[in-house]
Amino acid sequence: MRGWRPAIGVAAVVAVLSSVSDKSAYGRQSPAGTPDGPLTVVSCSGTIENAVREYALRRIAGANGPSWQLTMQGGPVGKNPVSLPLPRATPEVAADRVALTFKTANGGRQVTLTAASGAGQLDVYVDFGLEVNVDANLDPRVDEMNTHGSLAVRCTINAEAARN
């Protein structure tokens, strides 16, 4: 008996995956998000150690109200974004400004953000070693999100997201 060979080709797999609904796990999501997925409320970019980092505060709709996360790409994580959940965060969101002060009880996650269209300040401190005890699913790359103090950033507020 000869070895087994798959009868389906790559083109067939691509055709099947491309026909899957956008609401599936294979669906593409726009940077701003979809009604069922995270919605970027504000995005900010700044430079640390000669590398541009892009941060985004995202709202995730849920049955018990929204939850929030901070994402970052660039710098040491490249184009593979890292997300930091912000449980029980309560940012102040308006069409022209966003403000967030967040700190966990053990001090392992601290985020301060003040943003207006065009400019803002961001201070992120994360200690994976402290927070992994609270959130076992935390990505160890969250330590790369640290700004090492207040960072001047250029921000864009998604006015549509701010209204919702």
N, C-alpha and C. Protein backbone atom coordinates (compact mmCIF):
# COMPACT_ATOMS: atom_id res chain seq x y z
N MET A 1 0.83 -1.16 0.00
CA MET A 1 0.00 0.00 0.00
C MET A 1 0.89 1.24 0.00
N ARG A 2 0.57 2.15 -0.85
CA ARG A 2 1.34 3.38 -0.94
C ARG A 2 0.89 4.35 0.14
N GLY A 3 1.76 5.35 0.40
CA GLY A 3 1.45 6.36 1.42
C GLY A 3 0.21 7.17 1.04
N TRP A 4 -0.47 7.65 2.05
CA TRP A 4 -1.68 8.45 1.86
C TRP A 4 -1.30 9.83 1.36
N ARG A 5 -2.01 10.33 0.39
CA ARG A 5 -1.80 11.67 -0.15
C ARG A 5 -3.12 12.42 -0.09
N PRO A 6 -3.08 13.63 0.35
CA PRO A 6 -4.33 14.40 0.39
C PRO A 6 -4.86 14.63 -1.02
N ALA A 7 -6.17 14.50 -1.15
CA ALA A 7 -6.79 14.67 -2.45
C ALA A 7 -7.23 16.12 -2.68
N ILE A 8 -7.18 16.92 -1.65
CA ILE A 8 -7.63 18.30 -1.78
C ILE A 8 -6.42 19.22 -1.96
N GLY A 9 -6.51 20.15 -2.84
CA GLY A 9 -5.40 21.06 -3.11
C GLY A 9 -5.53 22.35 -2.32
N VAL A 10 -4.47 23.13 -2.35
CA VAL A 10 -4.44 24.40 -1.64
C VAL A 10 -5.54 25.33 -2.16
N ALA A 11 -5.77 25.32 -3.47
CA ALA A 11 -6.80 26.19 -4.04
C ALA A 11 -8.17 25.88 -3.46
N ALA A 12 -8.45 24.60 -3.23
CA ALA A 12 -9.74 24.22 -2.67
C ALA A 12 -9.88 24.71 -1.23
N VAL A 13 -8.81 24.63 -0.45
CA VAL A 13 -8.83 25.11 0.92
C VAL A 13 -9.05 26.61 0.94
N VAL A 14 -8.36 27.34 0.08
CA VAL A 14 -8.53 28.79 0.00
C VAL A 14 -9.96 29.14 -0.37
N ALA A 15 -10.53 28.42 -1.31
CA ALA A 15 -11.90 28.69 -1.73
C ALA A 15 -12.88 28.48 -0.58
N VAL A 16 -12.68 27.41 0.19
CA VAL A 16 -13.57 27.13 1.31
C VAL A 16 -13.43 28.22 2.37
N LEU A 17 -12.20 28.57 2.73
CA LEU A 17 -11.99 29.58 3.76
C LEU A 17 -12.49 30.94 3.33
N SER A 18 -12.35 31.27 2.05
CA SER A 18 -12.81 32.58 1.60
C SER A 18 -14.32 32.66 1.54
N SER A 19 -15.00 31.52 1.54
CA SER A 19 -16.46 31.54 1.50
C SER A 19 -17.09 31.57 2.89
N VAL A 20 -16.27 31.42 3.91
CA VAL A 20 -16.78 31.42 5.28
C VAL A 20 -17.22 32.84 5.65
N SER A 21 -18.29 32.94 6.38
CA SER A 21 -18.86 34.24 6.78
C SER A 21 -17.85 35.10 7.53
N ASP A 22 -17.95 36.42 7.37
CA ASP A 22 -17.08 37.35 8.08
C ASP A 22 -17.24 37.28 9.58
N LYS A 23 -18.34 36.72 10.08
CA LYS A 23 -18.53 36.63 11.52
C LYS A 23 -17.88 35.39 12.12
N SER A 24 -17.24 34.59 11.28
CA SER A 24 -16.60 33.37 11.78
C SER A 24 -15.20 33.69 12.29
N ALA A 25 -14.55 32.67 12.81
CA ALA A 25 -13.19 32.84 13.30
C ALA A 25 -12.23 33.17 12.16
N TYR A 26 -12.60 32.83 10.93
CA TYR A 26 -11.75 33.10 9.79
C TYR A 26 -11.99 34.47 9.18
N GLY A 27 -13.03 35.14 9.64
CA GLY A 27 -13.41 36.43 9.06
C GLY A 27 -12.35 37.49 9.30
N ARG A 28 -12.26 38.43 8.40
CA ARG A 28 -11.33 39.54 8.56
C ARG A 28 -12.03 40.62 9.35
N GLN A 29 -11.24 41.35 10.10
CA GLN A 29 -11.81 42.41 10.90
C GLN A 29 -11.11 43.71 10.54
N SER A 30 -11.88 44.74 10.34
CA SER A 30 -11.29 46.04 10.01
C SER A 30 -10.59 46.58 11.25
N PRO A 31 -9.62 47.49 11.07
CA PRO A 31 -8.92 48.04 12.23
C PRO A 31 -9.85 48.72 13.23
N ALA A 32 -10.93 49.29 12.75
CA ALA A 32 -11.87 49.96 13.66
C ALA A 32 -12.74 48.96 14.40
N GLY A 33 -12.83 47.74 13.91
CA GLY A 33 -13.64 46.71 14.56
C GLY A 33 -14.98 46.55 13.88
N THR A 34 -15.74 45.63 14.39
CA THR A 34 -17.07 45.37 13.88
C THR A 34 -18.03 45.43 15.06
N PRO A 35 -19.33 45.46 14.81
CA PRO A 35 -20.27 45.51 15.93
C PRO A 35 -20.08 44.34 16.91
N ASP A 36 -19.61 43.19 16.42
CA ASP A 36 -19.43 42.03 17.28
C ASP A 36 -18.03 41.92 17.86
N GLY A 37 -17.10 42.75 17.40
CA GLY A 37 -15.71 42.64 17.83
C GLY A 37 -15.22 43.91 18.48
N PRO A 38 -13.93 43.94 18.82
CA PRO A 38 -13.36 45.13 19.45
C PRO A 38 -13.49 46.34 18.54
N LEU A 39 -13.75 47.49 19.15
CA LEU A 39 -13.90 48.73 18.42
C LEU A 39 -12.84 49.70 18.93
N THR A 40 -11.97 50.16 18.04
CA THR A 40 -10.93 51.10 18.44
C THR A 40 -11.55 52.46 18.70
N VAL A 41 -11.39 52.95 19.92
CA VAL A 41 -11.93 54.24 20.31
C VAL A 41 -10.90 55.34 20.08
N VAL A 42 -9.64 55.06 20.40
CA VAL A 42 -8.56 56.01 20.16
C VAL A 42 -7.30 55.23 19.82
N SER A 43 -6.55 55.74 18.86
CA SER A 43 -5.26 55.15 18.54
C SER A 43 -4.20 56.24 18.66
N CYS A 44 -3.05 55.86 19.21
CA CYS A 44 -1.97 56.82 19.46
C CYS A 44 -0.64 56.19 19.06
N SER A 45 0.25 57.01 18.57
CA SER A 45 1.58 56.51 18.23
C SER A 45 2.64 57.40 18.86
N GLY A 46 3.71 56.76 19.26
CA GLY A 46 4.83 57.46 19.87
C GLY A 46 6.10 56.69 19.62
N THR A 47 7.23 57.31 19.88
CA THR A 47 8.52 56.69 19.61
C THR A 47 9.26 56.42 20.91
N ILE A 48 9.70 55.18 21.06
CA ILE A 48 10.51 54.77 22.21
C ILE A 48 11.73 54.05 21.64
N GLU A 49 12.91 54.49 22.05
CA GLU A 49 14.16 53.88 21.60
C GLU A 49 14.21 53.78 20.08
N ASN A 50 13.88 54.87 19.41
CA ASN A 50 13.91 54.98 17.94
C ASN A 50 12.97 54.05 17.21
N ALA A 51 11.98 53.53 17.90
CA ALA A 51 11.01 52.63 17.26
C ALA A 51 9.60 53.18 17.50
N VAL A 52 8.83 53.29 16.43
CA VAL A 52 7.46 53.77 16.55
C VAL A 52 6.59 52.64 17.10
N ARG A 53 5.80 52.99 18.09
CA ARG A 53 4.83 52.06 18.67
C ARG A 53 3.44 52.64 18.49
N GLU A 54 2.50 51.78 18.15
CA GLU A 54 1.12 52.20 17.97
C GLU A 54 0.27 51.53 19.04
N TYR A 55 -0.38 52.36 19.84
CA TYR A 55 -1.26 51.89 20.91
C TYR A 55 -2.70 52.18 20.51
N ALA A 56 -3.62 51.32 20.94
CA ALA A 56 -5.05 51.55 20.68
C ALA A 56 -5.85 51.13 21.91
N LEU A 57 -6.77 51.99 22.31
CA LEU A 57 -7.71 51.65 23.37
C LEU A 57 -8.95 51.14 22.67
N ARG A 58 -9.33 49.90 22.99
CA ARG A 58 -10.43 49.24 22.28
C ARG A 58 -11.53 48.84 23.24
N ARG A 59 -12.77 49.04 22.79
CA ARG A 59 -13.95 48.65 23.56
C ARG A 59 -14.50 47.36 22.97
N ILE A 60 -14.85 46.43 23.86
CA ILE A 60 -15.41 45.15 23.44
C ILE A 60 -16.81 45.06 24.04
N ALA A 61 -17.81 44.97 23.18
CA ALA A 61 -19.20 44.88 23.65
C ALA A 61 -19.41 43.54 24.33
N GLY A 62 -20.18 43.55 25.41
CA GLY A 62 -20.47 42.32 26.14
C GLY A 62 -21.85 42.37 26.75
N ALA A 63 -22.36 41.23 27.14
CA ALA A 63 -23.69 41.15 27.73
C ALA A 63 -23.78 41.95 29.03
N ASN A 64 -22.67 42.05 29.76
CA ASN A 64 -22.66 42.78 31.03
C ASN A 64 -22.06 44.18 30.88
N GLY A 65 -22.11 44.72 29.68
CA GLY A 65 -21.52 46.03 29.41
C GLY A 65 -20.18 45.88 28.73
N PRO A 66 -19.58 46.99 28.35
CA PRO A 66 -18.32 46.90 27.60
C PRO A 66 -17.14 46.53 28.50
N SER A 67 -16.16 45.90 27.89
CA SER A 67 -14.87 45.70 28.54
C SER A 67 -13.84 46.43 27.67
N TRP A 68 -12.67 46.63 28.20
CA TRP A 68 -11.66 47.45 27.52
C TRP A 68 -10.34 46.72 27.45
N GLN A 69 -9.56 47.04 26.41
CA GLN A 69 -8.22 46.50 26.28
C GLN A 69 -7.33 47.55 25.61
N LEU A 70 -6.05 47.48 25.92
CA LEU A 70 -5.06 48.31 25.27
C LEU A 70 -4.23 47.39 24.40
N THR A 71 -4.05 47.74 23.15
CA THR A 71 -3.21 46.94 22.26
C THR A 71 -2.01 47.77 21.84
N MET A 72 -0.93 47.08 21.46
CA MET A 72 0.26 47.75 20.95
C MET A 72 0.87 46.90 19.86
N GLN A 73 1.35 47.60 18.83
CA GLN A 73 2.17 46.94 17.82
C GLN A 73 3.32 47.86 17.49
N GLY A 74 4.32 47.32 16.85
CA GLY A 74 5.52 48.08 16.54
C GLY A 74 6.57 47.83 17.61
N GLY A 75 7.70 48.49 17.46
CA GLY A 75 8.79 48.30 18.41
C GLY A 75 9.17 46.83 18.50
N PRO A 76 9.36 46.31 19.71
CA PRO A 76 9.84 44.93 19.86
C PRO A 76 8.84 43.85 19.44
N VAL A 77 7.55 44.17 19.31
CA VAL A 77 6.58 43.14 18.91
C VAL A 77 6.27 43.19 17.42
N GLY A 78 6.82 44.17 16.71
CA GLY A 78 6.61 44.26 15.27
C GLY A 78 5.14 44.41 14.91
N LYS A 79 4.72 43.69 13.88
CA LYS A 79 3.34 43.79 13.40
C LYS A 79 2.42 42.77 14.06
N ASN A 80 2.94 42.05 15.06
CA ASN A 80 2.15 41.06 15.79
C ASN A 80 1.67 41.70 17.09
N PRO A 81 0.47 42.32 17.08
CA PRO A 81 0.04 43.11 18.24
C PRO A 81 -0.09 42.29 19.52
N VAL A 82 0.11 42.97 20.62
CA VAL A 82 -0.08 42.39 21.94
C VAL A 82 -1.22 43.14 22.61
N SER A 83 -2.07 42.42 23.34
CA SER A 83 -3.24 43.02 23.98
C SER A 83 -3.15 42.89 25.49
N LEU A 84 -3.57 43.95 26.16
CA LEU A 84 -3.61 43.98 27.61
C LEU A 84 -5.04 44.24 28.05
N PRO A 85 -5.72 43.23 28.59
CA PRO A 85 -7.07 43.46 29.11
C PRO A 85 -7.03 44.45 30.28
N LEU A 86 -8.05 45.30 30.33
CA LEU A 86 -8.17 46.28 31.41
C LEU A 86 -9.48 46.04 32.14
N PRO A 87 -9.52 45.01 32.99
CA PRO A 87 -10.78 44.66 33.66
C PRO A 87 -11.31 45.80 34.52
N ARG A 88 -12.60 46.05 34.37
CA ARG A 88 -13.30 47.08 35.13
C ARG A 88 -12.81 48.50 34.84
N ALA A 89 -12.14 48.71 33.71
CA ALA A 89 -11.71 50.06 33.34
C ALA A 89 -12.94 50.91 33.02
N THR A 90 -12.84 52.20 33.32
CA THR A 90 -13.94 53.13 33.05
C THR A 90 -13.39 54.42 32.43
N PRO A 91 -12.99 54.34 31.17
CA PRO A 91 -12.46 55.55 30.54
C PRO A 91 -13.55 56.59 30.31
N GLU A 92 -13.14 57.84 30.27
CA GLU A 92 -14.03 58.94 29.90
C GLU A 92 -13.84 59.14 28.40
N VAL A 93 -14.91 58.96 27.64
CA VAL A 93 -14.81 59.01 26.18
C VAL A 93 -15.78 60.06 25.65
N ALA A 94 -15.25 60.98 24.87
CA ALA A 94 -16.04 61.99 24.18
C ALA A 94 -15.53 62.09 22.74
N ALA A 95 -16.26 62.76 21.89
CA ALA A 95 -15.87 62.86 20.48
C ALA A 95 -14.53 63.58 20.30
N ASP A 96 -14.14 64.43 21.27
CA ASP A 96 -12.91 65.19 21.11
C ASP A 96 -11.82 64.86 22.13
N ARG A 97 -12.11 63.94 23.06
CA ARG A 97 -11.08 63.58 24.04
C ARG A 97 -11.38 62.23 24.67
N VAL A 98 -10.31 61.59 25.13
CA VAL A 98 -10.42 60.32 25.85
C VAL A 98 -9.46 60.40 27.04
N ALA A 99 -9.93 59.96 28.20
CA ALA A 99 -9.08 59.94 29.39
C ALA A 99 -9.28 58.62 30.12
N LEU A 100 -8.18 58.05 30.57
CA LEU A 100 -8.23 56.78 31.29
C LEU A 100 -7.15 56.78 32.35
N THR A 101 -7.55 56.44 33.57
CA THR A 101 -6.60 56.15 34.63
C THR A 101 -6.99 54.77 35.15
N PHE A 102 -6.07 53.83 35.04
CA PHE A 102 -6.37 52.44 35.37
C PHE A 102 -5.21 51.86 36.17
N LYS A 103 -5.54 51.12 37.22
CA LYS A 103 -4.51 50.45 38.03
C LYS A 103 -5.14 49.24 38.69
N THR A 104 -4.47 48.10 38.59
CA THR A 104 -4.97 46.91 39.27
C THR A 104 -4.58 46.96 40.75
N ALA A 105 -5.24 46.16 41.55
CA ALA A 105 -5.02 46.16 43.00
C ALA A 105 -3.57 45.86 43.36
N ASN A 106 -2.90 44.99 42.60
CA ASN A 106 -1.52 44.64 42.92
C ASN A 106 -0.51 45.55 42.22
N GLY A 107 -0.99 46.50 41.43
CA GLY A 107 -0.10 47.45 40.77
C GLY A 107 0.62 46.92 39.55
N GLY A 108 0.26 45.74 39.09
CA GLY A 108 0.94 45.13 37.95
C GLY A 108 0.49 45.63 36.60
N ARG A 109 -0.64 46.33 36.55
CA ARG A 109 -1.13 46.96 35.32
C ARG A 109 -1.51 48.39 35.67
N GLN A 110 -0.84 49.34 35.05
CA GLN A 110 -1.15 50.75 35.25
C GLN A 110 -1.13 51.45 33.91
N VAL A 111 -2.23 52.13 33.59
CA VAL A 111 -2.32 52.86 32.32
C VAL A 111 -2.92 54.22 32.61
N THR A 112 -2.24 55.26 32.15
CA THR A 112 -2.78 56.61 32.20
C THR A 112 -2.73 57.16 30.78
N LEU A 113 -3.89 57.56 30.28
CA LEU A 113 -3.99 58.07 28.92
C LEU A 113 -4.83 59.33 28.93
N THR A 114 -4.32 60.37 28.32
CA THR A 114 -5.10 61.56 28.04
C THR A 114 -4.89 61.84 26.56
N ALA A 115 -5.96 61.87 25.81
CA ALA A 115 -5.84 62.04 24.36
C ALA A 115 -6.87 63.02 23.85
N ALA A 116 -6.44 63.83 22.93
CA ALA A 116 -7.31 64.71 22.16
C ALA A 116 -6.89 64.50 20.71
N SER A 117 -7.72 64.90 19.79
CA SER A 117 -7.33 64.74 18.39
C SER A 117 -6.01 65.46 18.14
N GLY A 118 -5.02 64.69 17.76
CA GLY A 118 -3.71 65.24 17.44
C GLY A 118 -2.66 64.99 18.49
N ALA A 119 -2.97 65.12 19.77
CA ALA A 119 -1.93 65.01 20.79
C ALA A 119 -2.44 64.30 22.02
N GLY A 120 -1.48 63.79 22.80
CA GLY A 120 -1.85 63.13 24.04
C GLY A 120 -0.63 62.70 24.83
N GLN A 121 -0.90 62.10 25.97
CA GLN A 121 0.13 61.55 26.86
C GLN A 121 -0.29 60.14 27.24
N LEU A 122 0.66 59.24 27.25
CA LEU A 122 0.40 57.85 27.60
C LEU A 122 1.49 57.36 28.52
N ASP A 123 1.08 56.70 29.59
CA ASP A 123 2.02 56.09 30.53
C ASP A 123 1.51 54.68 30.79
N VAL A 124 2.31 53.69 30.40
CA VAL A 124 1.93 52.29 30.57
C VAL A 124 3.01 51.58 31.37
N TYR A 125 2.58 50.90 32.42
CA TYR A 125 3.46 50.05 33.20
C TYR A 125 2.77 48.70 33.36
N VAL A 126 3.45 47.64 32.92
CA VAL A 126 2.92 46.29 33.07
C VAL A 126 4.04 45.40 33.60
N ASP A 127 3.71 44.58 34.58
CA ASP A 127 4.64 43.59 35.11
C ASP A 127 4.01 42.22 34.93
N PHE A 128 4.43 41.51 33.89
CA PHE A 128 3.86 40.20 33.59
C PHE A 128 3.97 39.26 34.78
N GLY A 129 5.09 39.29 35.49
CA GLY A 129 5.30 38.40 36.63
C GLY A 129 4.24 38.58 37.71
N LEU A 130 3.81 39.81 37.94
CA LEU A 130 2.75 40.06 38.92
C LEU A 130 1.38 39.68 38.37
N GLU A 131 1.14 40.02 37.12
CA GLU A 131 -0.20 39.88 36.55
C GLU A 131 -0.54 38.47 36.08
N VAL A 132 0.45 37.65 35.77
CA VAL A 132 0.15 36.29 35.31
C VAL A 132 -0.49 35.47 36.43
N ASN A 133 -0.26 35.86 37.67
CA ASN A 133 -0.90 35.18 38.79
C ASN A 133 -2.40 35.49 38.85
N VAL A 134 -2.80 36.63 38.31
CA VAL A 134 -4.19 37.05 38.28
C VAL A 134 -4.87 36.59 36.99
N ASP A 135 -4.13 36.64 35.88
CA ASP A 135 -4.66 36.30 34.56
C ASP A 135 -3.71 35.33 33.87
N ALA A 136 -4.00 34.05 33.99
CA ALA A 136 -3.12 33.01 33.44
C ALA A 136 -3.04 33.07 31.92
N ASN A 137 -4.00 33.71 31.25
CA ASN A 137 -3.99 33.80 29.79
C ASN A 137 -3.24 35.02 29.26
N LEU A 138 -2.61 35.77 30.13
CA LEU A 138 -1.92 37.00 29.74
C LEU A 138 -0.71 36.67 28.86
N ASP A 139 -0.56 37.41 27.78
CA ASP A 139 0.56 37.26 26.85
C ASP A 139 1.83 37.78 27.54
N PRO A 140 2.91 36.99 27.60
CA PRO A 140 4.12 37.46 28.27
C PRO A 140 4.74 38.69 27.61
N ARG A 141 4.35 38.99 26.38
CA ARG A 141 4.89 40.16 25.69
C ARG A 141 4.32 41.48 26.21
N VAL A 142 3.36 41.42 27.15
CA VAL A 142 2.79 42.66 27.68
C VAL A 142 3.87 43.56 28.29
N ASP A 143 4.95 42.97 28.79
CA ASP A 143 6.05 43.78 29.34
C ASP A 143 6.61 44.75 28.28
N GLU A 144 6.51 44.40 27.01
CA GLU A 144 7.02 45.26 25.93
C GLU A 144 6.18 46.50 25.73
N MET A 145 4.99 46.55 26.35
CA MET A 145 4.11 47.70 26.21
C MET A 145 4.56 48.89 27.07
N ASN A 146 5.45 48.65 28.02
CA ASN A 146 5.89 49.69 28.95
C ASN A 146 6.45 50.90 28.21
N THR A 147 6.01 52.09 28.65
CA THR A 147 6.50 53.33 28.05
C THR A 147 7.66 53.93 28.84
N HIS A 148 7.94 53.40 30.01
CA HIS A 148 9.04 53.88 30.86
C HIS A 148 8.83 55.34 31.24
N GLY A 149 7.61 55.66 31.66
CA GLY A 149 7.25 57.02 32.02
C GLY A 149 6.27 57.59 31.01
N SER A 150 5.91 58.85 31.19
CA SER A 150 4.95 59.48 30.31
C SER A 150 5.54 59.69 28.92
N LEU A 151 4.77 59.32 27.91
CA LEU A 151 5.21 59.39 26.52
C LEU A 151 4.28 60.33 25.76
N ALA A 152 4.85 61.31 25.07
CA ALA A 152 4.05 62.18 24.19
C ALA A 152 3.65 61.36 22.97
N VAL A 153 2.37 61.38 22.64
CA VAL A 153 1.86 60.58 21.52
C VAL A 153 0.98 61.44 20.61
N ARG A 154 0.87 61.00 19.36
CA ARG A 154 -0.06 61.60 18.40
C ARG A 154 -1.28 60.70 18.37
N CYS A 155 -2.46 61.27 18.55
CA CYS A 155 -3.67 60.46 18.71
C CYS A 155 -4.74 60.80 17.69
N THR A 156 -5.54 59.80 17.37
CA THR A 156 -6.71 59.96 16.54
C THR A 156 -7.88 59.32 17.28
N ILE A 157 -8.94 60.09 17.49
CA ILE A 157 -10.12 59.59 18.17
C ILE A 157 -11.14 59.19 17.12
N ASN A 158 -11.69 58.00 17.29
CA ASN A 158 -12.76 57.52 16.41
C ASN A 158 -14.07 58.12 16.94
N ALA A 159 -14.48 59.24 16.35
CA ALA A 159 -15.66 59.97 16.85
C ALA A 159 -16.91 59.10 16.83
N GLU A 160 -17.05 58.24 15.83
CA GLU A 160 -18.22 57.36 15.78
C GLU A 160 -18.23 56.41 16.96
N ALA A 161 -17.09 55.85 17.29
CA ALA A 161 -17.00 54.94 18.44
C ALA A 161 -17.26 55.69 19.74
N ALA A 162 -16.86 56.94 19.80
CA ALA A 162 -17.06 57.73 21.02
C ALA A 162 -18.53 58.00 21.28
N ARG A 163 -19.32 58.06 20.23
CA ARG A 163 -20.76 58.32 20.38
C ARG A 163 -21.50 57.09 20.89
N ASN A 164 -20.97 55.92 20.65
CA ASN A 164 -21.67 54.67 21.03
C ASN A 164 -21.44 54.29 22.46
